[in-house]
Amino acid sequence: MHEYGIVESCVQQLLVELPKRGAKKVLAVRFRRGSAFSEEALRMAFAALSKGTMLEGAVLNIETVNLDYQCKCGHKQVITSDDLVGHMYICPDCGATREVDESHDLELLDLEIEE
């Protein structure tokens, strides 16, 4: 589950930077994720990694951007995490494969903090 590692990196960076900026607690976090990045995995990883930190209990607001795919055979689809085999999407019509790198599919947009 690569999503866990990506969320872990983000949480670790926040835990280093937020105290430097006088944050006592994070009330809300807003992320943007690509449709291939599992929202369930994001929520589970964030909950596990934030436990016992200033991020624990923060409200997660998650926006989703669709990863639209059009195969050379004409098949069109929004790719979700359920459509992937590892990092690969396989066209259900012709079997063509496309690598999907979820690491570019998570962006921290905003934080609401208590100082």
PDB file of N, CA and C in Angstrom:
ATOM      1  N   MET A   1       0.848  -1.176   0.000  1.00  0.00           N
ATOM      2  CA  MET A   1       0.000   0.000   0.000  1.00  0.00           C
ATOM      3  C   MET A   1       0.894   1.239   0.000  1.00  0.00           C
ATOM      4  N   HIS A   2       1.128   1.788  -1.163  1.00  0.00           N
ATOM      5  CA  HIS A   2       1.991   2.952  -1.293  1.00  0.00           C
ATOM      6  C   HIS A   2       1.354   4.205  -0.712  1.00  0.00           C
ATOM      7  N   GLU A   3       0.038   4.214  -0.623  1.00  0.00           N
ATOM      8  CA  GLU A   3      -0.651   5.370  -0.053  1.00  0.00           C
ATOM      9  C   GLU A   3      -0.164   5.633   1.369  1.00  0.00           C
ATOM     10  N   TYR A   4       0.036   4.569   2.144  1.00  0.00           N
ATOM     11  CA  TYR A   4       0.471   4.720   3.532  1.00  0.00           C
ATOM     12  C   TYR A   4       1.795   5.478   3.597  1.00  0.00           C
ATOM     13  N   GLY A   5       2.744   5.094   2.776  1.00  0.00           N
ATOM     14  CA  GLY A   5       4.050   5.756   2.774  1.00  0.00           C
ATOM     15  C   GLY A   5       3.963   7.221   2.377  1.00  0.00           C
ATOM     16  N   ILE A   6       3.090   7.526   1.453  1.00  0.00           N
ATOM     17  CA  ILE A   6       2.922   8.912   1.010  1.00  0.00           C
ATOM     18  C   ILE A   6       2.312   9.743   2.128  1.00  0.00           C
ATOM     19  N   VAL A   7       1.282   9.214   2.785  1.00  0.00           N
ATOM     20  CA  VAL A   7       0.651   9.921   3.905  1.00  0.00           C
ATOM     21  C   VAL A   7       1.638  10.049   5.062  1.00  0.00           C
ATOM     22  N   GLU A   8       2.408   9.004   5.306  1.00  0.00           N
ATOM     23  CA  GLU A   8       3.409   9.037   6.381  1.00  0.00           C
ATOM     24  C   GLU A   8       4.412  10.169   6.158  1.00  0.00           C
ATOM     25  N   SER A   9       4.884  10.322   4.941  1.00  0.00           N
ATOM     26  CA  SER A   9       5.829  11.390   4.624  1.00  0.00           C
ATOM     27  C   SER A   9       5.203  12.758   4.876  1.00  0.00           C
ATOM     28  N   CYS A  10       3.983  12.923   4.466  1.00  0.00           N
ATOM     29  CA  CYS A  10       3.287  14.203   4.659  1.00  0.00           C
ATOM     30  C   CYS A  10       3.111  14.506   6.150  1.00  0.00           C
ATOM     31  N   VAL A  11       2.664  13.526   6.915  1.00  0.00           N
ATOM     32  CA  VAL A  11       2.455  13.707   8.355  1.00  0.00           C
ATOM     33  C   VAL A  11       3.773  14.030   9.046  1.00  0.00           C
ATOM     34  N   GLN A  12       4.832  13.322   8.709  1.00  0.00           N
ATOM     35  CA  GLN A  12       6.133  13.588   9.325  1.00  0.00           C
ATOM     36  C   GLN A  12       6.604  15.013   9.048  1.00  0.00           C
ATOM     37  N   GLN A  13       6.431  15.468   7.822  1.00  0.00           N
ATOM     38  CA  GLN A  13       6.832  16.834   7.485  1.00  0.00           C
ATOM     39  C   GLN A  13       6.012  17.853   8.267  1.00  0.00           C
ATOM     40  N   LEU A  14       4.708  17.607   8.391  1.00  0.00           N
ATOM     41  CA  LEU A  14       3.859  18.509   9.163  1.00  0.00           C
ATOM     42  C   LEU A  14       4.290  18.558  10.623  1.00  0.00           C
ATOM     43  N   LEU A  15       4.603  17.416  11.194  1.00  0.00           N
ATOM     44  CA  LEU A  15       4.980  17.363  12.606  1.00  0.00           C
ATOM     45  C   LEU A  15       6.305  18.060  12.882  1.00  0.00           C
ATOM     46  N   VAL A  16       7.135  18.193  11.882  1.00  0.00           N
ATOM     47  CA  VAL A  16       8.388  18.937  12.024  1.00  0.00           C
ATOM     48  C   VAL A  16       8.129  20.433  11.866  1.00  0.00           C
ATOM     49  N   GLU A  17       7.339  20.801  10.875  1.00  0.00           N
ATOM     50  CA  GLU A  17       7.147  22.211  10.533  1.00  0.00           C
ATOM     51  C   GLU A  17       6.142  22.951  11.421  1.00  0.00           C
ATOM     52  N   LEU A  18       5.065  22.304  11.817  1.00  0.00           N
ATOM     53  CA  LEU A  18       4.008  23.000  12.556  1.00  0.00           C
ATOM     54  C   LEU A  18       4.468  23.601  13.882  1.00  0.00           C
ATOM     55  N   PRO A  19       5.247  22.895  14.704  1.00  0.00           N
ATOM     56  CA  PRO A  19       5.709  23.520  15.952  1.00  0.00           C
ATOM     57  C   PRO A  19       6.572  24.753  15.710  1.00  0.00           C
ATOM     58  N   LYS A  20       7.319  24.763  14.627  1.00  0.00           N
ATOM     59  CA  LYS A  20       8.145  25.926  14.292  1.00  0.00           C
ATOM     60  C   LYS A  20       7.284  27.154  14.013  1.00  0.00           C
ATOM     61  N   ARG A  21       6.043  26.918  13.631  1.00  0.00           N
ATOM     62  CA  ARG A  21       5.121  28.014  13.289  1.00  0.00           C
ATOM     63  C   ARG A  21       4.146  28.323  14.418  1.00  0.00           C
ATOM     64  N   GLY A  22       4.395  27.741  15.587  1.00  0.00           N
ATOM     65  CA  GLY A  22       3.586  28.037  16.764  1.00  0.00           C
ATOM     66  C   GLY A  22       2.273  27.279  16.861  1.00  0.00           C
ATOM     67  N   ALA A  23       2.103  26.242  16.089  1.00  0.00           N
ATOM     68  CA  ALA A  23       0.851  25.477  16.132  1.00  0.00           C
ATOM     69  C   ALA A  23       0.806  24.619  17.393  1.00  0.00           C
ATOM     70  N   LYS A  24      -0.335  24.606  18.036  1.00  0.00           N
ATOM     71  CA  LYS A  24      -0.552  23.752  19.204  1.00  0.00           C
ATOM     72  C   LYS A  24      -1.372  22.524  18.826  1.00  0.00           C
ATOM     73  N   LYS A  25      -2.320  22.725  17.912  1.00  0.00           N
ATOM     74  CA  LYS A  25      -3.205  21.641  17.491  1.00  0.00           C
ATOM     75  C   LYS A  25      -3.697  21.944  16.080  1.00  0.00           C
ATOM     76  N   VAL A  26      -3.901  20.887  15.306  1.00  0.00           N
ATOM     77  CA  VAL A  26      -4.464  21.030  13.967  1.00  0.00           C
ATOM     78  C   VAL A  26      -5.943  20.655  14.046  1.00  0.00           C
ATOM     79  N   LEU A  27      -6.783  21.574  13.612  1.00  0.00           N
ATOM     80  CA  LEU A  27      -8.224  21.355  13.676  1.00  0.00           C
ATOM     81  C   LEU A  27      -8.766  20.697  12.408  1.00  0.00           C
ATOM     82  N   ALA A  28      -8.203  21.059  11.266  1.00  0.00           N
ATOM     83  CA  ALA A  28      -8.673  20.509   9.993  1.00  0.00           C
ATOM     84  C   ALA A  28      -7.534  20.481   8.986  1.00  0.00           C
ATOM     85  N   VAL A  29      -7.588  19.493   8.103  1.00  0.00           N
ATOM     86  CA  VAL A  29      -6.604  19.337   7.033  1.00  0.00           C
ATOM     87  C   VAL A  29      -7.388  19.132   5.741  1.00  0.00           C
ATOM     88  N   ARG A  30      -6.975  19.829   4.696  1.00  0.00           N
ATOM     89  CA  ARG A  30      -7.638  19.679   3.400  1.00  0.00           C
ATOM     90  C   ARG A  30      -6.631  19.133   2.396  1.00  0.00           C
ATOM     91  N   PHE A  31      -6.972  17.989   1.835  1.00  0.00           N
ATOM     92  CA  PHE A  31      -6.161  17.320   0.820  1.00  0.00           C
ATOM     93  C   PHE A  31      -6.901  17.309  -0.507  1.00  0.00           C
ATOM     94  N   ARG A  32      -6.127  17.219  -1.583  1.00  0.00           N
ATOM     95  CA  ARG A  32      -6.667  16.913  -2.913  1.00  0.00           C
ATOM     96  C   ARG A  32      -6.003  15.610  -3.337  1.00  0.00           C
ATOM     97  N   ARG A  33      -6.829  14.652  -3.743  1.00  0.00           N
ATOM     98  CA  ARG A  33      -6.301  13.357  -4.161  1.00  0.00           C
ATOM     99  C   ARG A  33      -6.782  13.033  -5.557  1.00  0.00           C
ATOM    100  N   GLY A  34      -5.956  12.318  -6.282  1.00  0.00           N
ATOM    101  CA  GLY A  34      -6.367  11.792  -7.569  1.00  0.00           C
ATOM    102  C   GLY A  34      -7.253  10.582  -7.339  1.00  0.00           C
ATOM    103  N   SER A  35      -8.137  10.305  -8.263  1.00  0.00           N
ATOM    104  CA  SER A  35      -9.089   9.207  -8.089  1.00  0.00           C
ATOM    105  C   SER A  35      -8.407   7.841  -7.958  1.00  0.00           C
ATOM    106  N   ALA A  36      -7.160   7.723  -8.367  1.00  0.00           N
ATOM    107  CA  ALA A  36      -6.429   6.459  -8.217  1.00  0.00           C
ATOM    108  C   ALA A  36      -5.816   6.311  -6.828  1.00  0.00           C
ATOM    109  N   PHE A  37      -5.849   7.365  -6.035  1.00  0.00           N
ATOM    110  CA  PHE A  37      -5.315   7.341  -4.665  1.00  0.00           C
ATOM    111  C   PHE A  37      -6.485   7.035  -3.738  1.00  0.00           C
ATOM    112  N   SER A  38      -6.467   5.911  -3.084  1.00  0.00           N
ATOM    113  CA  SER A  38      -7.588   5.444  -2.271  1.00  0.00           C
ATOM    114  C   SER A  38      -7.915   6.403  -1.123  1.00  0.00           C
ATOM    115  N   GLU A  39      -9.164   6.893  -1.116  1.00  0.00           N
ATOM    116  CA  GLU A  39      -9.596   7.758  -0.019  1.00  0.00           C
ATOM    117  C   GLU A  39      -9.633   6.981   1.296  1.00  0.00           C
ATOM    118  N   GLU A  40     -10.073   5.752   1.244  1.00  0.00           N
ATOM    119  CA  GLU A  40     -10.122   4.926   2.449  1.00  0.00           C
ATOM    120  C   GLU A  40      -8.720   4.736   3.027  1.00  0.00           C
ATOM    121  N   ALA A  41      -7.735   4.451   2.167  1.00  0.00           N
ATOM    122  CA  ALA A  41      -6.358   4.290   2.634  1.00  0.00           C
ATOM    123  C   ALA A  41      -5.823   5.592   3.213  1.00  0.00           C
ATOM    124  N   LEU A  42      -6.155   6.712   2.591  1.00  0.00           N
ATOM    125  CA  LEU A  42      -5.735   8.024   3.092  1.00  0.00           C
ATOM    126  C   LEU A  42      -6.292   8.249   4.495  1.00  0.00           C
ATOM    127  N   ARG A  43      -7.578   8.018   4.670  1.00  0.00           N
ATOM    128  CA  ARG A  43      -8.205   8.234   5.981  1.00  0.00           C
ATOM    129  C   ARG A  43      -7.628   7.295   7.047  1.00  0.00           C
ATOM    130  N   MET A  44      -7.454   6.038   6.694  1.00  0.00           N
ATOM    131  CA  MET A  44      -6.919   5.069   7.657  1.00  0.00           C
ATOM    132  C   MET A  44      -5.478   5.397   8.030  1.00  0.00           C
ATOM    133  N   ALA A  45      -4.654   5.725   7.052  1.00  0.00           N
ATOM    134  CA  ALA A  45      -3.252   6.051   7.330  1.00  0.00           C
ATOM    135  C   ALA A  45      -3.150   7.319   8.162  1.00  0.00           C
ATOM    136  N   PHE A  46      -3.926   8.329   7.820  1.00  0.00           N
ATOM    137  CA  PHE A  46      -3.876   9.585   8.564  1.00  0.00           C
ATOM    138  C   PHE A  46      -4.290   9.353  10.020  1.00  0.00           C
ATOM    139  N   ALA A  47      -5.357   8.590  10.236  1.00  0.00           N
ATOM    140  CA  ALA A  47      -5.810   8.309  11.600  1.00  0.00           C
ATOM    141  C   ALA A  47      -4.730   7.582  12.394  1.00  0.00           C
ATOM    142  N   ALA A  48      -4.109   6.587  11.793  1.00  0.00           N
ATOM    143  CA  ALA A  48      -3.072   5.810  12.488  1.00  0.00           C
ATOM    144  C   ALA A  48      -1.836   6.651  12.777  1.00  0.00           C
ATOM    145  N   LEU A  49      -1.416   7.429  11.798  1.00  0.00           N
ATOM    146  CA  LEU A  49      -0.166   8.193  11.926  1.00  0.00           C
ATOM    147  C   LEU A  49      -0.311   9.440  12.794  1.00  0.00           C
ATOM    148  N   SER A  50      -1.527   9.952  12.930  1.00  0.00           N
ATOM    149  CA  SER A  50      -1.723  11.175  13.703  1.00  0.00           C
ATOM    150  C   SER A  50      -2.001  10.900  15.174  1.00  0.00           C
ATOM    151  N   LYS A  51      -2.234   9.645  15.515  1.00  0.00           N
ATOM    152  CA  LYS A  51      -2.556   9.281  16.899  1.00  0.00           C
ATOM    153  C   LYS A  51      -1.465   9.772  17.855  1.00  0.00           C
ATOM    154  N   GLY A  52      -1.894  10.503  18.892  1.00  0.00           N
ATOM    155  CA  GLY A  52      -0.956  10.988  19.895  1.00  0.00           C
ATOM    156  C   GLY A  52      -0.174  12.224  19.475  1.00  0.00           C
ATOM    157  N   THR A  53      -0.540  12.824  18.335  1.00  0.00           N
ATOM    158  CA  THR A  53       0.153  14.025  17.859  1.00  0.00           C
ATOM    159  C   THR A  53      -0.823  15.197  17.785  1.00  0.00           C
ATOM    160  N   MET A  54      -0.316  16.354  17.440  1.00  0.00           N
ATOM    161  CA  MET A  54      -1.182  17.531  17.291  1.00  0.00           C
ATOM    162  C   MET A  54      -2.151  17.399  16.114  1.00  0.00           C
ATOM    163  N   LEU A  55      -1.974  16.386  15.301  1.00  0.00           N
ATOM    164  CA  LEU A  55      -2.869  16.139  14.171  1.00  0.00           C
ATOM    165  C   LEU A  55      -4.053  15.246  14.545  1.00  0.00           C
ATOM    166  N   GLU A  56      -3.956  14.570  15.672  1.00  0.00           N
ATOM    167  CA  GLU A  56      -5.017  13.640  16.057  1.00  0.00           C
ATOM    168  C   GLU A  56      -6.352  14.373  16.194  1.00  0.00           C
ATOM    169  N   GLY A  57      -7.376  13.803  15.613  1.00  0.00           N
ATOM    170  CA  GLY A  57      -8.716  14.371  15.702  1.00  0.00           C
ATOM    171  C   GLY A  57      -9.013  15.451  14.682  1.00  0.00           C
ATOM    172  N   ALA A  58      -8.033  15.822  13.876  1.00  0.00           N
ATOM    173  CA  ALA A  58      -8.276  16.847  12.857  1.00  0.00           C
ATOM    174  C   ALA A  58      -9.311  16.347  11.853  1.00  0.00           C
ATOM    175  N   VAL A  59     -10.175  17.233  11.428  1.00  0.00           N
ATOM    176  CA  VAL A  59     -11.163  16.902  10.406  1.00  0.00           C
ATOM    177  C   VAL A  59     -10.438  16.819   9.065  1.00  0.00           C
ATOM    178  N   LEU A  60     -10.671  15.735   8.330  1.00  0.00           N
ATOM    179  CA  LEU A  60     -10.076  15.591   7.006  1.00  0.00           C
ATOM    180  C   LEU A  60     -11.100  15.991   5.954  1.00  0.00           C
ATOM    181  N   ASN A  61     -10.761  16.984   5.169  1.00  0.00           N
ATOM    182  CA  ASN A  61     -11.570  17.393   4.030  1.00  0.00           C
ATOM    183  C   ASN A  61     -10.801  16.970   2.788  1.00  0.00           C
ATOM    184  N   ILE A  62     -11.436  16.147   1.979  1.00  0.00           N
ATOM    185  CA  ILE A  62     -10.737  15.562   0.838  1.00  0.00           C
ATOM    186  C   ILE A  62     -11.470  15.877  -0.455  1.00  0.00           C
ATOM    187  N   GLU A  63     -10.768  16.536  -1.358  1.00  0.00           N
ATOM    188  CA  GLU A  63     -11.277  16.793  -2.700  1.00  0.00           C
ATOM    189  C   GLU A  63     -10.717  15.709  -3.620  1.00  0.00           C
ATOM    190  N   THR A  64     -11.480  15.375  -4.648  1.00  0.00           N
ATOM    191  CA  THR A  64     -11.039  14.348  -5.583  1.00  0.00           C
ATOM    192  C   THR A  64     -10.967  14.901  -6.999  1.00  0.00           C
ATOM    193  N   VAL A  65      -9.865  14.609  -7.662  1.00  0.00           N
ATOM    194  CA  VAL A  65      -9.685  14.954  -9.070  1.00  0.00           C
ATOM    195  C   VAL A  65      -9.657  13.644  -9.843  1.00  0.00           C
ATOM    196  N   ASN A  66     -10.513  13.535 -10.839  1.00  0.00           N
ATOM    197  CA  ASN A  66     -10.592  12.300 -11.615  1.00  0.00           C
ATOM    198  C   ASN A  66      -9.375  12.108 -12.507  1.00  0.00           C
ATOM    199  N   LEU A  67      -8.898  10.882 -12.532  1.00  0.00           N
ATOM    200  CA  LEU A  67      -7.842  10.484 -13.454  1.00  0.00           C
ATOM    201  C   LEU A  67      -8.539   9.846 -14.657  1.00  0.00           C
ATOM    202  N   ASP A  68      -8.771  10.661 -15.674  1.00  0.00           N
ATOM    203  CA  ASP A  68      -9.462  10.196 -16.879  1.00  0.00           C
ATOM    204  C   ASP A  68      -8.491   9.429 -17.757  1.00  0.00           C
ATOM    205  N   TYR A  69      -8.972   8.331 -18.291  1.00  0.00           N
ATOM    206  CA  TYR A  69      -8.143   7.483 -19.147  1.00  0.00           C
ATOM    207  C   TYR A  69      -8.882   7.218 -20.451  1.00  0.00           C
ATOM    208  N   GLN A  70      -8.172   7.360 -21.536  1.00  0.00           N
ATOM    209  CA  GLN A  70      -8.697   6.953 -22.831  1.00  0.00           C
ATOM    210  C   GLN A  70      -7.654   6.083 -23.499  1.00  0.00           C
ATOM    211  N   CYS A  71      -8.028   4.848 -23.727  1.00  0.00           N
ATOM    212  CA  CYS A  71      -7.129   3.886 -24.349  1.00  0.00           C
ATOM    213  C   CYS A  71      -7.108   4.097 -25.862  1.00  0.00           C
ATOM    214  N   LYS A  72      -6.047   3.634 -26.473  1.00  0.00           N
ATOM    215  CA  LYS A  72      -5.952   3.743 -27.931  1.00  0.00           C
ATOM    216  C   LYS A  72      -7.052   2.949 -28.633  1.00  0.00           C
ATOM    217  N   CYS A  73      -7.667   1.979 -27.924  1.00  0.00           N
ATOM    218  CA  CYS A  73      -8.762   1.194 -28.512  1.00  0.00           C
ATOM    219  C   CYS A  73     -10.097   1.925 -28.435  1.00  0.00           C
ATOM    220  N   GLY A  74     -10.110   3.066 -27.715  1.00  0.00           N
ATOM    221  CA  GLY A  74     -11.331   3.855 -27.603  1.00  0.00           C
ATOM    222  C   GLY A  74     -12.019   3.764 -26.252  1.00  0.00           C
ATOM    223  N   HIS A  75     -11.616   2.838 -25.406  1.00  0.00           N
ATOM    224  CA  HIS A  75     -12.220   2.705 -24.075  1.00  0.00           C
ATOM    225  C   HIS A  75     -11.920   3.952 -23.242  1.00  0.00           C
ATOM    226  N   LYS A  76     -12.963   4.481 -22.577  1.00  0.00           N
ATOM    227  CA  LYS A  76     -12.799   5.649 -21.696  1.00  0.00           C
ATOM    228  C   LYS A  76     -13.269   5.288 -20.299  1.00  0.00           C
ATOM    229  N   GLN A  77     -12.543   5.799 -19.299  1.00  0.00           N
ATOM    230  CA  GLN A  77     -12.880   5.472 -17.921  1.00  0.00           C
ATOM    231  C   GLN A  77     -12.160   6.407 -16.965  1.00  0.00           C
ATOM    232  N   VAL A  78     -12.785   6.641 -15.804  1.00  0.00           N
ATOM    233  CA  VAL A  78     -12.096   7.289 -14.692  1.00  0.00           C
ATOM    234  C   VAL A  78     -11.435   6.169 -13.903  1.00  0.00           C
ATOM    235  N   ILE A  79     -10.124   6.265 -13.726  1.00  0.00           N
ATOM    236  CA  ILE A  79      -9.387   5.224 -13.000  1.00  0.00           C
ATOM    237  C   ILE A  79      -9.478   5.494 -11.503  1.00  0.00           C
ATOM    238  N   THR A  80      -9.851   4.454 -10.752  1.00  0.00           N
ATOM    239  CA  THR A  80      -9.862   4.528  -9.292  1.00  0.00           C
ATOM    240  C   THR A  80      -8.856   3.508  -8.758  1.00  0.00           C
ATOM    241  N   SER A  81      -8.628   3.544  -7.459  1.00  0.00           N
ATOM    242  CA  SER A  81      -7.686   2.600  -6.859  1.00  0.00           C
ATOM    243  C   SER A  81      -8.152   1.157  -7.044  1.00  0.00           C
ATOM    244  N   ASP A  82      -9.448   0.936  -7.161  1.00  0.00           N
ATOM    245  CA  ASP A  82      -9.979  -0.418  -7.364  1.00  0.00           C
ATOM    246  C   ASP A  82      -9.644  -0.969  -8.744  1.00  0.00           C
ATOM    247  N   ASP A  83      -9.295  -0.093  -9.686  1.00  0.00           N
ATOM    248  CA  ASP A  83      -8.991  -0.513 -11.055  1.00  0.00           C
ATOM    249  C   ASP A  83      -7.532  -0.904 -11.251  1.00  0.00           C
ATOM    250  N   LEU A  84      -6.710  -0.711 -10.238  1.00  0.00           N
ATOM    251  CA  LEU A  84      -5.273  -0.930 -10.388  1.00  0.00           C
ATOM    252  C   LEU A  84      -4.853  -2.329  -9.968  1.00  0.00           C
ATOM    253  N   VAL A  85      -3.867  -2.836 -10.665  1.00  0.00           N
ATOM    254  CA  VAL A  85      -3.180  -4.064 -10.282  1.00  0.00           C
ATOM    255  C   VAL A  85      -1.763  -3.606  -9.969  1.00  0.00           C
ATOM    256  N   GLY A  86      -1.473  -3.463  -8.671  1.00  0.00           N
ATOM    257  CA  GLY A  86      -0.212  -2.826  -8.285  1.00  0.00           C
ATOM    258  C   GLY A  86      -0.265  -1.381  -8.732  1.00  0.00           C
ATOM    259  N   HIS A  87       0.659  -1.000  -9.614  1.00  0.00           N
ATOM    260  CA  HIS A  87       0.676   0.348 -10.189  1.00  0.00           C
ATOM    261  C   HIS A  87       0.189   0.348 -11.631  1.00  0.00           C
ATOM    262  N   MET A  88      -0.428  -0.727 -12.038  1.00  0.00           N
ATOM    263  CA  MET A  88      -0.812  -0.854 -13.441  1.00  0.00           C
ATOM    264  C   MET A  88      -2.326  -0.833 -13.613  1.00  0.00           C
ATOM    265  N   TYR A  89      -2.763  -0.125 -14.650  1.00  0.00           N
ATOM    266  CA  TYR A  89      -4.157  -0.170 -15.085  1.00  0.00           C
ATOM    267  C   TYR A  89      -4.171  -0.998 -16.371  1.00  0.00           C
ATOM    268  N   ILE A  90      -5.084  -1.946 -16.444  1.00  0.00           N
ATOM    269  CA  ILE A  90      -5.212  -2.801 -17.620  1.00  0.00           C
ATOM    270  C   ILE A  90      -6.554  -2.508 -18.272  1.00  0.00           C
ATOM    271  N   CYS A  91      -6.525  -2.098 -19.505  1.00  0.00           N
ATOM    272  CA  CYS A  91      -7.752  -1.789 -20.243  1.00  0.00           C
ATOM    273  C   CYS A  91      -8.620  -3.048 -20.309  1.00  0.00           C
ATOM    274  N   PRO A  92      -9.881  -2.947 -19.875  1.00  0.00           N
ATOM    275  CA  PRO A  92     -10.746  -4.126 -19.897  1.00  0.00           C
ATOM    276  C   PRO A  92     -11.165  -4.545 -21.310  1.00  0.00           C
ATOM    277  N   ASP A  93     -10.999  -3.654 -22.269  1.00  0.00           N
ATOM    278  CA  ASP A  93     -11.404  -3.979 -23.640  1.00  0.00           C
ATOM    279  C   ASP A  93     -10.297  -4.642 -24.458  1.00  0.00           C
ATOM    280  N   CYS A  94      -9.070  -4.122 -24.344  1.00  0.00           N
ATOM    281  CA  CYS A  94      -8.006  -4.643 -25.218  1.00  0.00           C
ATOM    282  C   CYS A  94      -6.794  -5.199 -24.466  1.00  0.00           C
ATOM    283  N   GLY A  95      -6.724  -4.968 -23.144  1.00  0.00           N
ATOM    284  CA  GLY A  95      -5.612  -5.499 -22.364  1.00  0.00           C
ATOM    285  C   GLY A  95      -4.377  -4.615 -22.329  1.00  0.00           C
ATOM    286  N   ALA A  96      -4.421  -3.445 -22.960  1.00  0.00           N
ATOM    287  CA  ALA A  96      -3.277  -2.524 -22.913  1.00  0.00           C
ATOM    288  C   ALA A  96      -3.050  -2.087 -21.462  1.00  0.00           C
ATOM    289  N   THR A  97      -1.791  -1.867 -21.101  1.00  0.00           N
ATOM    290  CA  THR A  97      -1.470  -1.468 -19.734  1.00  0.00           C
ATOM    291  C   THR A  97      -0.952  -0.042 -19.689  1.00  0.00           C
ATOM    292  N   ARG A  98      -1.185   0.583 -18.544  1.00  0.00           N
ATOM    293  CA  ARG A  98      -0.675   1.930 -18.300  1.00  0.00           C
ATOM    294  C   ARG A  98      -0.214   1.985 -16.851  1.00  0.00           C
ATOM    295  N   GLU A  99       0.993   2.479 -16.648  1.00  0.00           N
ATOM    296  CA  GLU A  99       1.490   2.638 -15.284  1.00  0.00           C
ATOM    297  C   GLU A  99       0.852   3.875 -14.671  1.00  0.00           C
ATOM    298  N   VAL A 100       0.408   3.745 -13.424  1.00  0.00           N
ATOM    299  CA  VAL A 100      -0.210   4.848 -12.699  1.00  0.00           C
ATOM    300  C   VAL A 100       0.600   5.063 -11.430  1.00  0.00           C
ATOM    301  N   ASP A 101       1.163   6.238 -11.266  1.00  0.00           N
ATOM    302  CA  ASP A 101       2.000   6.567 -10.112  1.00  0.00           C
ATOM    303  C   ASP A 101       1.183   7.411  -9.144  1.00  0.00           C
ATOM    304  N   GLU A 102       0.677   6.787  -8.067  1.00  0.00           N
ATOM    305  CA  GLU A 102      -0.173   7.496  -7.116  1.00  0.00           C
ATOM    306  C   GLU A 102       0.582   8.555  -6.317  1.00  0.00           C
ATOM    307  N   SER A 103       1.894   8.515  -6.302  1.00  0.00           N
ATOM    308  CA  SER A 103       2.642   9.460  -5.472  1.00  0.00           C
ATOM    309  C   SER A 103       2.412  10.903  -5.889  1.00  0.00           C
ATOM    310  N   HIS A 104       1.984  11.112  -7.122  1.00  0.00           N
ATOM    311  CA  HIS A 104       1.699  12.471  -7.582  1.00  0.00           C
ATOM    312  C   HIS A 104       0.240  12.836  -7.370  1.00  0.00           C
ATOM    313  N   ASP A 105      -0.504  11.942  -6.731  1.00  0.00           N
ATOM    314  CA  ASP A 105      -1.942  12.115  -6.619  1.00  0.00           C
ATOM    315  C   ASP A 105      -2.410  12.567  -5.252  1.00  0.00           C
ATOM    316  N   LEU A 106      -1.540  13.100  -4.417  1.00  0.00           N
ATOM    317  CA  LEU A 106      -1.957  13.635  -3.122  1.00  0.00           C
ATOM    318  C   LEU A 106      -1.296  14.983  -2.918  1.00  0.00           C
ATOM    319  N   GLU A 107      -2.112  15.956  -2.581  1.00  0.00           N
ATOM    320  CA  GLU A 107      -1.616  17.321  -2.387  1.00  0.00           C
ATOM    321  C   GLU A 107      -2.248  17.901  -1.126  1.00  0.00           C
ATOM    322  N   LEU A 108      -1.422  18.436  -0.250  1.00  0.00           N
ATOM    323  CA  LEU A 108      -1.914  19.130   0.934  1.00  0.00           C
ATOM    324  C   LEU A 108      -2.298  20.539   0.510  1.00  0.00           C
ATOM    325  N   LEU A 109      -3.553  20.901   0.717  1.00  0.00           N
ATOM    326  CA  LEU A 109      -4.034  22.205   0.270  1.00  0.00           C
ATOM    327  C   LEU A 109      -4.082  23.250   1.367  1.00  0.00           C
ATOM    328  N   ASP A 110      -4.501  22.823   2.575  1.00  0.00           N
ATOM    329  CA  ASP A 110      -4.754  23.830   3.595  1.00  0.00           C
ATOM    330  C   ASP A 110      -4.793  23.168   4.980  1.00  0.00           C
ATOM    331  N   LEU A 111      -4.481  23.952   5.976  1.00  0.00           N
ATOM    332  CA  LEU A 111      -4.569  23.514   7.376  1.00  0.00           C
ATOM    333  C   LEU A 111      -5.302  24.568   8.186  1.00  0.00           C
ATOM    334  N   GLU A 112      -6.091  24.116   9.123  1.00  0.00           N
ATOM    335  CA  GLU A 112      -6.675  25.027  10.113  1.00  0.00           C
ATOM    336  C   GLU A 112      -6.031  24.662  11.428  1.00  0.00           C
ATOM    337  N   ILE A 113      -5.309  25.611  12.030  1.00  0.00           N
ATOM    338  CA  ILE A 113      -4.558  25.304  13.248  1.00  0.00           C
ATOM    339  C   ILE A 113      -4.996  26.175  14.419  1.00  0.00           C
ATOM    340  N   GLU A 114      -4.706  25.674  15.607  1.00  0.00           N
ATOM    341  CA  GLU A 114      -4.913  26.426  16.840  1.00  0.00           C
ATOM    342  C   GLU A 114      -3.526  26.826  17.322  1.00  0.00           C
ATOM    343  N   GLU A 115      -3.344  28.105  17.559  1.00  0.00           N
ATOM    344  CA  GLU A 115      -2.012  28.580  18.000  1.00  0.00           C
ATOM    345  C   GLU A 115      -1.981  28.769  19.500  1.00  0.00           C
TER     346      GLU A 115
END
